[in-house]
């Protein structure tokens, strides 16, 4: 039996990887955010999820705060934040930052702290 696959267009017209994908509405068990921060210092406020989140750094330098501790990451590195752990990230500069954030859940659930 062959199961149907879905092809979803999500890139910007310029080919940039930006935006969010919520898998649940497409039969998937993950959500993905394509983070692009052009200016150093940008990033989300402190928050947590009831599931793990995995970050794949593609470009730039990122400073994470995870459970009150600082962690620095660069292209090619992967950061995993366990379920229920407070976290945030910031573009550490000097240039743009790009990463893929994978939420281990079909729908986004975020508690802002």
Protein backbone atom coordinates (compact mmCIF):
# COMPACT_ATOMS: atom_id res chain seq x y z
CA UNK A 1 0.00 0.00 0.00
CA UNK A 2 1.35 3.41 -0.96
CA UNK A 3 0.52 6.28 1.34
CA UNK A 4 0.04 9.74 -0.17
CA UNK A 5 2.74 12.28 0.61
CA UNK A 6 2.18 16.01 0.84
CA UNK A 7 4.37 18.60 -0.84
CA UNK A 8 4.13 21.88 1.02
CA UNK A 9 5.51 25.16 -0.34
CA UNK A 10 6.93 27.23 2.51
CA UNK A 11 9.89 29.26 1.27
CA UNK A 12 9.77 32.97 0.59
CA UNK A 13 9.73 34.12 -3.06
CA UNK A 14 13.45 34.95 -2.71
CA UNK A 15 14.15 31.35 -1.66
CA UNK A 16 14.81 32.20 1.99
CA UNK A 17 13.88 29.70 4.67
CA UNK A 18 11.50 31.73 6.85
CA UNK A 19 8.28 30.92 8.61
CA UNK A 20 6.58 28.14 10.50
CA UNK A 21 5.15 24.72 9.68
CA UNK A 22 2.61 23.08 12.00
CA UNK A 23 2.60 19.38 11.18
CA UNK A 24 -0.64 18.34 12.85
CA UNK A 25 -2.83 19.87 10.13
CA UNK A 26 -0.87 17.86 7.53
CA UNK A 27 -0.76 14.53 9.39
CA UNK A 28 2.73 15.16 10.84
CA UNK A 29 3.97 14.84 14.41
CA UNK A 30 6.37 17.80 14.45
CA UNK A 31 6.32 21.57 14.06
CA UNK A 32 9.18 23.49 12.47
CA UNK A 33 10.25 27.12 12.66
CA UNK A 34 12.74 28.49 10.16
CA UNK A 35 14.37 31.27 12.19
CA UNK A 36 16.15 34.12 10.42
CA UNK A 37 17.36 37.05 12.48
CA UNK A 38 19.24 39.70 10.53
CA UNK A 39 20.15 41.96 13.45
CA UNK A 40 22.28 40.90 16.40
CA UNK A 41 20.37 40.89 19.68
CA UNK A 42 17.08 39.65 18.26
CA UNK A 43 15.27 36.56 19.52
CA UNK A 44 12.21 35.36 21.44
CA UNK A 45 11.41 35.96 25.11
CA UNK A 46 11.95 33.26 27.73
CA UNK A 47 9.49 30.38 27.28
CA UNK A 48 9.05 26.60 27.54
CA UNK A 49 7.17 23.76 25.88
CA UNK A 50 5.73 20.45 27.22
CA UNK A 51 7.88 18.65 24.60
CA UNK A 52 11.52 18.86 23.52
CA UNK A 53 12.80 21.38 20.98
CA UNK A 54 15.81 20.80 18.74
CA UNK A 55 17.73 23.65 17.12
CA UNK A 56 19.99 23.18 14.08
CA UNK A 57 22.24 26.19 13.55
CA UNK A 58 22.76 26.87 9.83
CA UNK A 59 24.39 30.32 9.84
CA UNK A 60 25.65 32.85 12.37
CA UNK A 61 26.25 32.63 16.09
CA UNK A 62 23.54 31.99 18.66
CA UNK A 63 23.50 32.45 22.43
CA UNK A 64 20.96 30.25 24.22
CA UNK A 65 19.75 30.64 27.77
CA UNK A 66 18.64 27.18 28.91
CA UNK A 67 17.44 26.74 32.51
CA UNK A 68 19.28 29.94 33.44
CA UNK A 69 22.62 28.89 31.92
CA UNK A 70 24.30 30.32 28.81
CA UNK A 71 25.21 28.12 25.87
CA UNK A 72 26.88 29.38 22.68
CA UNK A 73 26.31 27.63 19.34
CA UNK A 74 27.63 28.08 15.80
CA UNK A 75 26.87 26.67 12.33
CA UNK A 76 26.80 22.89 12.19
CA UNK A 77 25.93 22.46 15.86
CA UNK A 78 22.67 21.13 17.28
CA UNK A 79 21.11 22.14 20.60
CA UNK A 80 18.38 20.06 22.27
CA UNK A 81 16.22 21.57 25.01
CA UNK A 82 14.27 18.95 27.00
CA UNK A 83 10.53 19.21 27.63
CA UNK A 84 9.51 21.71 30.30
CA UNK A 85 12.88 23.52 30.43
CA UNK A 86 12.85 27.33 30.11
CA UNK A 87 14.84 28.72 27.20
CA UNK A 88 15.40 31.56 24.77
CA UNK A 89 17.96 32.43 22.13
CA UNK A 90 19.59 35.53 20.72
CA UNK A 91 21.47 36.31 17.54
CA UNK A 92 25.00 36.86 18.90
CA UNK A 93 26.18 38.52 15.70
CA UNK A 94 28.12 39.95 14.10
CA UNK A 95 25.90 39.13 11.09
CA UNK A 96 22.62 37.36 10.38
CA UNK A 97 21.61 34.11 12.06
CA UNK A 98 19.65 31.23 10.54
CA UNK A 99 18.50 28.01 12.21
CA UNK A 100 15.85 25.33 12.08
CA UNK A 101 13.79 24.81 15.26
CA UNK A 102 12.05 21.42 15.48
CA UNK A 103 9.24 21.04 18.00
CA UNK A 104 8.56 17.39 18.94
CA UNK A 105 4.81 17.87 18.74
CA UNK A 106 2.29 18.25 15.93
CA UNK A 107 0.98 21.58 17.25
CA UNK A 108 2.79 24.50 18.84
CA UNK A 109 2.32 24.79 22.63
CA UNK A 110 4.29 27.62 24.22
CA UNK A 111 4.20 29.01 27.74
CA UNK A 112 5.73 32.49 27.78
CA UNK A 113 7.53 33.22 31.05
